[in-house]
Amino acid sequence: MLCVVRQESLFHTVLQTLAFLGEVSQPEMFSHVHPHGQASARLVRFFATACVPDVKCSGLSLDELAFGAQLHDVGKYLLKKSVILKPGKLSEEEYAAVCLHPIYGVNILSQFGGITTPIRHMVLHHHEHWDGSGYPDGLSGMSIPLEARTVAIVDVYTSLRARRSYKETMTKAEALSVMKEMAGQKLDPCLTEDFIKLVSSKLCMATN
């Protein structure tokens, strides 16, 4: 029980600290990163509870999973806002810079004691692709940690549903259609199938 309390206290402290620093130092980036993290954290709890029993079997708590989802893009605070918020297509140089944000994110979290390996996995590997074409390490298939594959799915969905400087928001149906095409290429096909079924359900309220 004491360990759980300490972990909750750590998560609260880290989230509050990074949110404060982000909002004060980079308000425009904060408005991009923070709401996306919050939406991802809410959705990953719902998804993992309903469809990802292996997460529970691994000993990973829902609080830990949500914490990793909340901060998966924290490394973007170290990128130029002109790149992240660019309305047009990124140049090769700009894209290469964006690909560093998972590494930056892990480096930021390393400044705090008590950050677990699964949390580092979520931050570092949420852009690895099922077919090995992702970054930063080119992991593929089941070699991508389960927690990172899970966060990748909610990251994609919340990104597609959000309005960005470079795109309009998609409807739920449009977003799920795109994700269906990504299954087996960028996303874990089994987890994606489960996610699509869950979000398509009339019982699903967390994604409206």
C-alpha atoms as a PDB file:
ATOM      1  CA  MET A   1       0.000   0.000   0.000  1.00  0.00           C
ATOM      2  CA  LEU A   2       2.829   2.368   0.857  1.00  0.00           C
ATOM      3  CA  CYS A   3       4.431   1.778  -2.545  1.00  0.00           C
ATOM      4  CA  VAL A   4       1.139   2.581  -4.299  1.00  0.00           C
ATOM      5  CA  VAL A   5       0.798   5.830  -2.353  1.00  0.00           C
ATOM      6  CA  ARG A   6       4.379   6.788  -3.152  1.00  0.00           C
ATOM      7  CA  GLN A   7       3.840   6.038  -6.842  1.00  0.00           C
ATOM      8  CA  GLU A   8       0.674   8.128  -6.943  1.00  0.00           C
ATOM      9  CA  SER A   9       2.520  10.959  -5.207  1.00  0.00           C
ATOM     10  CA  LEU A  10       5.370  10.711  -7.716  1.00  0.00           C
ATOM     11  CA  PHE A  11       2.997  10.766 -10.671  1.00  0.00           C
ATOM     12  CA  HIS A  12       1.147  13.770  -9.284  1.00  0.00           C
ATOM     13  CA  THR A  13       4.384  15.668  -8.620  1.00  0.00           C
ATOM     14  CA  VAL A  14       5.847  14.972 -12.063  1.00  0.00           C
ATOM     15  CA  LEU A  15       2.626  15.835 -13.895  1.00  0.00           C
ATOM     16  CA  GLN A  16       2.153  19.061 -11.968  1.00  0.00           C
ATOM     17  CA  THR A  17       5.798  20.099 -12.413  1.00  0.00           C
ATOM     18  CA  LEU A  18       5.928  19.457 -16.149  1.00  0.00           C
ATOM     19  CA  ALA A  19       2.509  21.018 -16.747  1.00  0.00           C
ATOM     20  CA  PHE A  20       3.557  24.170 -14.887  1.00  0.00           C
ATOM     21  CA  LEU A  21       6.873  24.439 -16.715  1.00  0.00           C
ATOM     22  CA  GLY A  22       5.258  23.768 -20.069  1.00  0.00           C
ATOM     23  CA  GLU A  23       2.453  26.284 -19.609  1.00  0.00           C
ATOM     24  CA  VAL A  24       4.792  29.003 -18.378  1.00  0.00           C
ATOM     25  CA  SER A  25       7.683  28.520 -20.791  1.00  0.00           C
ATOM     26  CA  GLN A  26       5.872  27.362 -23.939  1.00  0.00           C
ATOM     27  CA  PRO A  27       2.154  28.121 -23.760  1.00  0.00           C
ATOM     28  CA  GLU A  28       1.491  27.397 -27.443  1.00  0.00           C
ATOM     29  CA  MET A  29       3.244  24.041 -27.246  1.00  0.00           C
ATOM     30  CA  PHE A  30       1.473  23.340 -23.960  1.00  0.00           C
ATOM     31  CA  SER A  31      -1.911  23.833 -25.631  1.00  0.00           C
ATOM     32  CA  HIS A  32      -0.851  21.218 -28.196  1.00  0.00           C
ATOM     33  CA  VAL A  33       0.825  18.633 -25.942  1.00  0.00           C
ATOM     34  CA  HIS A  34      -1.116  18.771 -22.673  1.00  0.00           C
ATOM     35  CA  PRO A  35      -4.721  18.250 -23.870  1.00  0.00           C
ATOM     36  CA  HIS A  36      -3.547  15.460 -26.165  1.00  0.00           C
ATOM     37  CA  GLY A  37      -1.834  13.769 -23.220  1.00  0.00           C
ATOM     38  CA  GLN A  38      -4.931  14.088 -21.058  1.00  0.00           C
ATOM     39  CA  ALA A  39      -7.160  12.619 -23.766  1.00  0.00           C
ATOM     40  CA  SER A  40      -4.709   9.761 -24.332  1.00  0.00           C
ATOM     41  CA  ALA A  41      -4.545   8.996 -20.603  1.00  0.00           C
ATOM     42  CA  ARG A  42      -8.339   8.819 -20.267  1.00  0.00           C
ATOM     43  CA  LEU A  43      -8.710   6.649 -23.339  1.00  0.00           C
ATOM     44  CA  VAL A  44      -5.885   4.241 -22.511  1.00  0.00           C
ATOM     45  CA  ARG A  45      -7.481   3.489 -19.135  1.00  0.00           C
ATOM     46  CA  PHE A  46     -10.760   2.672 -20.844  1.00  0.00           C
ATOM     47  CA  PHE A  47      -9.083   0.602 -23.570  1.00  0.00           C
ATOM     48  CA  ALA A  48      -6.814  -1.367 -21.238  1.00  0.00           C
ATOM     49  CA  THR A  49      -9.614  -2.119 -18.800  1.00  0.00           C
ATOM     50  CA  ALA A  50     -11.906  -3.390 -21.537  1.00  0.00           C
ATOM     51  CA  CYS A  51      -9.594  -5.038 -24.041  1.00  0.00           C
ATOM     52  CA  VAL A  52      -5.969  -5.487 -22.959  1.00  0.00           C
ATOM     53  CA  PRO A  53      -5.866  -8.164 -20.234  1.00  0.00           C
ATOM     54  CA  ASP A  54      -2.146  -8.776 -20.809  1.00  0.00           C
ATOM     55  CA  VAL A  55      -1.462  -5.338 -19.337  1.00  0.00           C
ATOM     56  CA  LYS A  56      -2.906  -6.492 -16.030  1.00  0.00           C
ATOM     57  CA  CYS A  57      -1.022  -9.793 -16.220  1.00  0.00           C
ATOM     58  CA  SER A  58       2.243  -7.907 -16.737  1.00  0.00           C
ATOM     59  CA  GLY A  59       1.823  -6.184 -13.386  1.00  0.00           C
ATOM     60  CA  LEU A  60       1.483  -2.758 -15.000  1.00  0.00           C
ATOM     61  CA  SER A  61      -1.064  -0.659 -13.122  1.00  0.00           C
ATOM     62  CA  LEU A  62      -3.653   1.438 -14.895  1.00  0.00           C
ATOM     63  CA  ASP A  63      -2.231   4.509 -13.135  1.00  0.00           C
ATOM     64  CA  GLU A  64       1.200   3.716 -14.556  1.00  0.00           C
ATOM     65  CA  LEU A  65      -0.233   3.176 -18.033  1.00  0.00           C
ATOM     66  CA  ALA A  66      -2.201   6.431 -17.879  1.00  0.00           C
ATOM     67  CA  PHE A  67       0.848   8.310 -16.620  1.00  0.00           C
ATOM     68  CA  GLY A  68       2.914   7.108 -19.570  1.00  0.00           C
ATOM     69  CA  ALA A  69       0.112   8.006 -21.975  1.00  0.00           C
ATOM     70  CA  GLN A  70      -0.203  11.464 -20.435  1.00  0.00           C
ATOM     71  CA  LEU A  71       3.501  12.193 -20.937  1.00  0.00           C
ATOM     72  CA  HIS A  72       4.271  10.253 -24.113  1.00  0.00           C
ATOM     73  CA  ASP A  73       4.827  13.495 -26.067  1.00  0.00           C
ATOM     74  CA  VAL A  74       6.614  15.467 -23.339  1.00  0.00           C
ATOM     75  CA  GLY A  75       9.777  15.516 -25.458  1.00  0.00           C
ATOM     76  CA  LYS A  76       8.053  17.883 -27.884  1.00  0.00           C
ATOM     77  CA  TYR A  77       8.678  20.706 -25.426  1.00  0.00           C
ATOM     78  CA  LEU A  78      12.318  20.577 -26.562  1.00  0.00           C
ATOM     79  CA  LEU A  79      11.420  21.020 -30.225  1.00  0.00           C
ATOM     80  CA  LYS A  80      10.790  24.267 -32.071  1.00  0.00           C
ATOM     81  CA  LYS A  81       7.132  25.223 -31.998  1.00  0.00           C
ATOM     82  CA  SER A  82       7.512  26.377 -35.607  1.00  0.00           C
ATOM     83  CA  VAL A  83       8.063  22.716 -36.514  1.00  0.00           C
ATOM     84  CA  ILE A  84       5.403  21.087 -34.316  1.00  0.00           C
ATOM     85  CA  LEU A  85       2.778  23.699 -35.169  1.00  0.00           C
ATOM     86  CA  LYS A  86       3.737  24.058 -38.828  1.00  0.00           C
ATOM     87  CA  PRO A  87       0.590  24.165 -41.010  1.00  0.00           C
ATOM     88  CA  GLY A  88       2.250  22.559 -44.031  1.00  0.00           C
ATOM     89  CA  LYS A  89       4.282  19.444 -44.783  1.00  0.00           C
ATOM     90  CA  LEU A  90       7.524  19.030 -42.845  1.00  0.00           C
ATOM     91  CA  SER A  91      10.868  19.060 -44.630  1.00  0.00           C
ATOM     92  CA  GLU A  92      13.162  16.056 -44.231  1.00  0.00           C
ATOM     93  CA  GLU A  93      15.224  18.005 -41.709  1.00  0.00           C
ATOM     94  CA  GLU A  94      12.139  18.995 -39.732  1.00  0.00           C
ATOM     95  CA  TYR A  95      10.805  15.441 -39.732  1.00  0.00           C
ATOM     96  CA  ALA A  96      14.180  14.158 -38.493  1.00  0.00           C
ATOM     97  CA  ALA A  97      13.959  16.664 -35.631  1.00  0.00           C
ATOM     98  CA  VAL A  98      10.451  15.487 -34.713  1.00  0.00           C
ATOM     99  CA  CYS A  99      11.692  11.892 -34.621  1.00  0.00           C
ATOM    100  CA  LEU A 100      13.911  12.831 -31.682  1.00  0.00           C
ATOM    101  CA  HIS A 101      11.054  13.729 -29.354  1.00  0.00           C
ATOM    102  CA  PRO A 102      10.735  10.226 -27.802  1.00  0.00           C
ATOM    103  CA  ILE A 103      14.434  10.351 -26.857  1.00  0.00           C
ATOM    104  CA  TYR A 104      14.037  13.871 -25.485  1.00  0.00           C
ATOM    105  CA  GLY A 105      11.032  12.693 -23.508  1.00  0.00           C
ATOM    106  CA  VAL A 106      12.926   9.879 -21.820  1.00  0.00           C
ATOM    107  CA  ASN A 107      15.761  12.281 -21.025  1.00  0.00           C
ATOM    108  CA  ILE A 108      13.301  14.681 -19.376  1.00  0.00           C
ATOM    109  CA  LEU A 109      11.743  11.938 -17.263  1.00  0.00           C
ATOM    110  CA  SER A 110      15.189  10.653 -16.236  1.00  0.00           C
ATOM    111  CA  GLN A 111      15.483  13.806 -14.132  1.00  0.00           C
ATOM    112  CA  PHE A 112      12.852  12.353 -11.800  1.00  0.00           C
ATOM    113  CA  GLY A 113      13.494   9.373  -9.557  1.00  0.00           C
ATOM    114  CA  GLY A 114      11.117   6.419  -9.634  1.00  0.00           C
ATOM    115  CA  ILE A 115      10.256   6.418 -13.338  1.00  0.00           C
ATOM    116  CA  THR A 116       9.691   2.758 -14.200  1.00  0.00           C
ATOM    117  CA  THR A 117      10.831   0.801 -17.251  1.00  0.00           C
ATOM    118  CA  PRO A 118       7.284   0.486 -18.682  1.00  0.00           C
ATOM    119  CA  ILE A 119       6.850   4.266 -18.484  1.00  0.00           C
ATOM    120  CA  ARG A 120      10.137   4.761 -20.323  1.00  0.00           C
ATOM    121  CA  HIS A 121       8.955   2.228 -22.915  1.00  0.00           C
ATOM    122  CA  MET A 122       5.753   4.187 -23.546  1.00  0.00           C
ATOM    123  CA  VAL A 123       7.585   7.457 -24.002  1.00  0.00           C
ATOM    124  CA  LEU A 124      10.457   6.037 -26.054  1.00  0.00           C
ATOM    125  CA  HIS A 125       8.619   3.521 -28.249  1.00  0.00           C
ATOM    126  CA  HIS A 126       5.138   4.906 -28.965  1.00  0.00           C
ATOM    127  CA  HIS A 127       6.215   5.670 -32.562  1.00  0.00           C
ATOM    128  CA  GLU A 128       7.630   2.232 -33.308  1.00  0.00           C
ATOM    129  CA  HIS A 129       5.633   0.538 -36.074  1.00  0.00           C
ATOM    130  CA  TRP A 130       4.426  -3.039 -36.310  1.00  0.00           C
ATOM    131  CA  ASP A 131       6.247  -3.422 -39.657  1.00  0.00           C
ATOM    132  CA  GLY A 132       9.513  -1.993 -38.296  1.00  0.00           C
ATOM    133  CA  SER A 133       9.313   1.341 -40.132  1.00  0.00           C
ATOM    134  CA  GLY A 134       8.937   3.498 -37.014  1.00  0.00           C
ATOM    135  CA  TYR A 135      11.361   5.303 -34.719  1.00  0.00           C
ATOM    136  CA  PRO A 136      13.603   5.710 -32.810  1.00  0.00           C
ATOM    137  CA  ASP A 137      14.830   2.074 -32.761  1.00  0.00           C
ATOM    138  CA  GLY A 138      13.002   0.438 -35.673  1.00  0.00           C
ATOM    139  CA  LEU A 139      11.414  -2.210 -33.452  1.00  0.00           C
ATOM    140  CA  SER A 140       8.765  -4.423 -35.026  1.00  0.00           C
ATOM    141  CA  GLY A 141       5.929  -6.734 -34.064  1.00  0.00           C
ATOM    142  CA  MET A 142       5.955  -8.240 -30.607  1.00  0.00           C
ATOM    143  CA  SER A 143       9.413  -6.819 -29.906  1.00  0.00           C
ATOM    144  CA  ILE A 144       7.641  -3.495 -29.295  1.00  0.00           C
ATOM    145  CA  PRO A 145       6.648  -3.486 -25.614  1.00  0.00           C
ATOM    146  CA  LEU A 146       2.925  -4.099 -25.076  1.00  0.00           C
ATOM    147  CA  GLU A 147       2.478  -0.854 -23.169  1.00  0.00           C
ATOM    148  CA  ALA A 148       4.022   1.108 -26.059  1.00  0.00           C
ATOM    149  CA  ARG A 149       1.802  -0.651 -28.627  1.00  0.00           C
ATOM    150  CA  THR A 150      -1.233   0.164 -26.506  1.00  0.00           C
ATOM    151  CA  VAL A 151      -0.346   3.842 -26.129  1.00  0.00           C
ATOM    152  CA  ALA A 152       0.441   4.066 -29.850  1.00  0.00           C
ATOM    153  CA  ILE A 153      -3.155   3.152 -30.666  1.00  0.00           C
ATOM    154  CA  VAL A 154      -4.737   5.779 -28.423  1.00  0.00           C
ATOM    155  CA  ASP A 155      -2.145   8.316 -29.582  1.00  0.00           C
ATOM    156  CA  VAL A 156      -3.151   7.793 -33.203  1.00  0.00           C
ATOM    157  CA  TYR A 157      -6.870   7.938 -32.466  1.00  0.00           C
ATOM    158  CA  THR A 158      -6.732  11.093 -30.337  1.00  0.00           C
ATOM    159  CA  SER A 159      -4.454  12.752 -32.917  1.00  0.00           C
ATOM    160  CA  LEU A 160      -6.833  11.964 -35.766  1.00  0.00           C
ATOM    161  CA  ARG A 161      -9.797  13.257 -33.784  1.00  0.00           C
ATOM    162  CA  ALA A 162      -8.058  16.498 -32.776  1.00  0.00           C
ATOM    163  CA  ARG A 163      -7.930  19.697 -34.795  1.00  0.00           C
ATOM    164  CA  ARG A 164      -4.379  20.717 -35.636  1.00  0.00           C
ATOM    165  CA  SER A 165      -2.762  23.621 -37.456  1.00  0.00           C
ATOM    166  CA  TYR A 166      -2.061  21.256 -40.340  1.00  0.00           C
ATOM    167  CA  LYS A 167      -5.399  19.378 -40.445  1.00  0.00           C
ATOM    168  CA  GLU A 168      -9.067  19.432 -39.531  1.00  0.00           C
ATOM    169  CA  THR A 169     -10.580  17.034 -37.044  1.00  0.00           C
ATOM    170  CA  MET A 170     -11.896  13.671 -38.255  1.00  0.00           C
ATOM    171  CA  THR A 171     -15.170  12.069 -37.261  1.00  0.00           C
ATOM    172  CA  LYS A 172     -15.057   8.881 -35.227  1.00  0.00           C
ATOM    173  CA  ALA A 173     -15.879   6.824 -38.316  1.00  0.00           C
ATOM    174  CA  GLU A 174     -13.189   8.520 -40.398  1.00  0.00           C
ATOM    175  CA  ALA A 175     -10.561   8.031 -37.710  1.00  0.00           C
ATOM    176  CA  LEU A 176     -11.404   4.341 -37.281  1.00  0.00           C
ATOM    177  CA  SER A 177     -11.274   3.846 -41.055  1.00  0.00           C
ATOM    178  CA  VAL A 178      -7.740   5.267 -41.148  1.00  0.00           C
ATOM    179  CA  MET A 179      -6.701   3.094 -38.212  1.00  0.00           C
ATOM    180  CA  LYS A 180      -8.064  -0.005 -39.932  1.00  0.00           C
ATOM    181  CA  GLU A 181      -5.708   0.697 -42.831  1.00  0.00           C
ATOM    182  CA  MET A 182      -2.811   1.179 -40.399  1.00  0.00           C
ATOM    183  CA  ALA A 183      -3.385  -2.172 -38.678  1.00  0.00           C
ATOM    184  CA  GLY A 184      -0.559  -4.602 -39.423  1.00  0.00           C
ATOM    185  CA  GLN A 185       1.596  -1.804 -40.779  1.00  0.00           C
ATOM    186  CA  LYS A 186       1.985   0.905 -38.179  1.00  0.00           C
ATOM    187  CA  LEU A 187      -0.241  -0.561 -35.457  1.00  0.00           C
ATOM    188  CA  ASP A 188      -0.582  -3.916 -33.710  1.00  0.00           C
ATOM    189  CA  PRO A 189      -3.328  -5.600 -35.793  1.00  0.00           C
ATOM    190  CA  CYS A 190      -4.988  -7.489 -32.928  1.00  0.00           C
ATOM    191  CA  LEU A 191      -5.025  -4.557 -30.539  1.00  0.00           C
ATOM    192  CA  THR A 192      -6.286  -2.272 -33.292  1.00  0.00           C
ATOM    193  CA  GLU A 193      -9.123  -4.644 -34.119  1.00  0.00           C
ATOM    194  CA  ASP A 194     -10.124  -4.736 -30.445  1.00  0.00           C
ATOM    195  CA  PHE A 195      -9.910  -0.950 -30.211  1.00  0.00           C
ATOM    196  CA  ILE A 196     -12.060  -0.403 -33.287  1.00  0.00           C
ATOM    197  CA  LYS A 197     -14.704  -2.783 -31.964  1.00  0.00           C
ATOM    198  CA  LEU A 198     -14.683  -1.035 -28.602  1.00  0.00           C
ATOM    199  CA  VAL A 199     -14.910   2.504 -29.962  1.00  0.00           C
ATOM    200  CA  SER A 200     -17.595   1.469 -32.469  1.00  0.00           C
ATOM    201  CA  SER A 201     -19.709   0.116 -29.613  1.00  0.00           C
ATOM    202  CA  LYS A 202     -22.672   2.190 -28.456  1.00  0.00           C
ATOM    203  CA  LEU A 203     -21.400   1.562 -24.932  1.00  0.00           C
ATOM    204  CA  CYS A 204     -18.259   3.574 -25.573  1.00  0.00           C
ATOM    205  CA  MET A 205     -18.553   7.051 -24.090  1.00  0.00           C
ATOM    206  CA  ALA A 206     -14.850   7.879 -23.530  1.00  0.00           C
ATOM    207  CA  THR A 207     -14.189   8.663 -27.187  1.00  0.00           C
ATOM    208  CA  ASN A 208     -17.109  10.902 -28.095  1.00  0.00           C
END
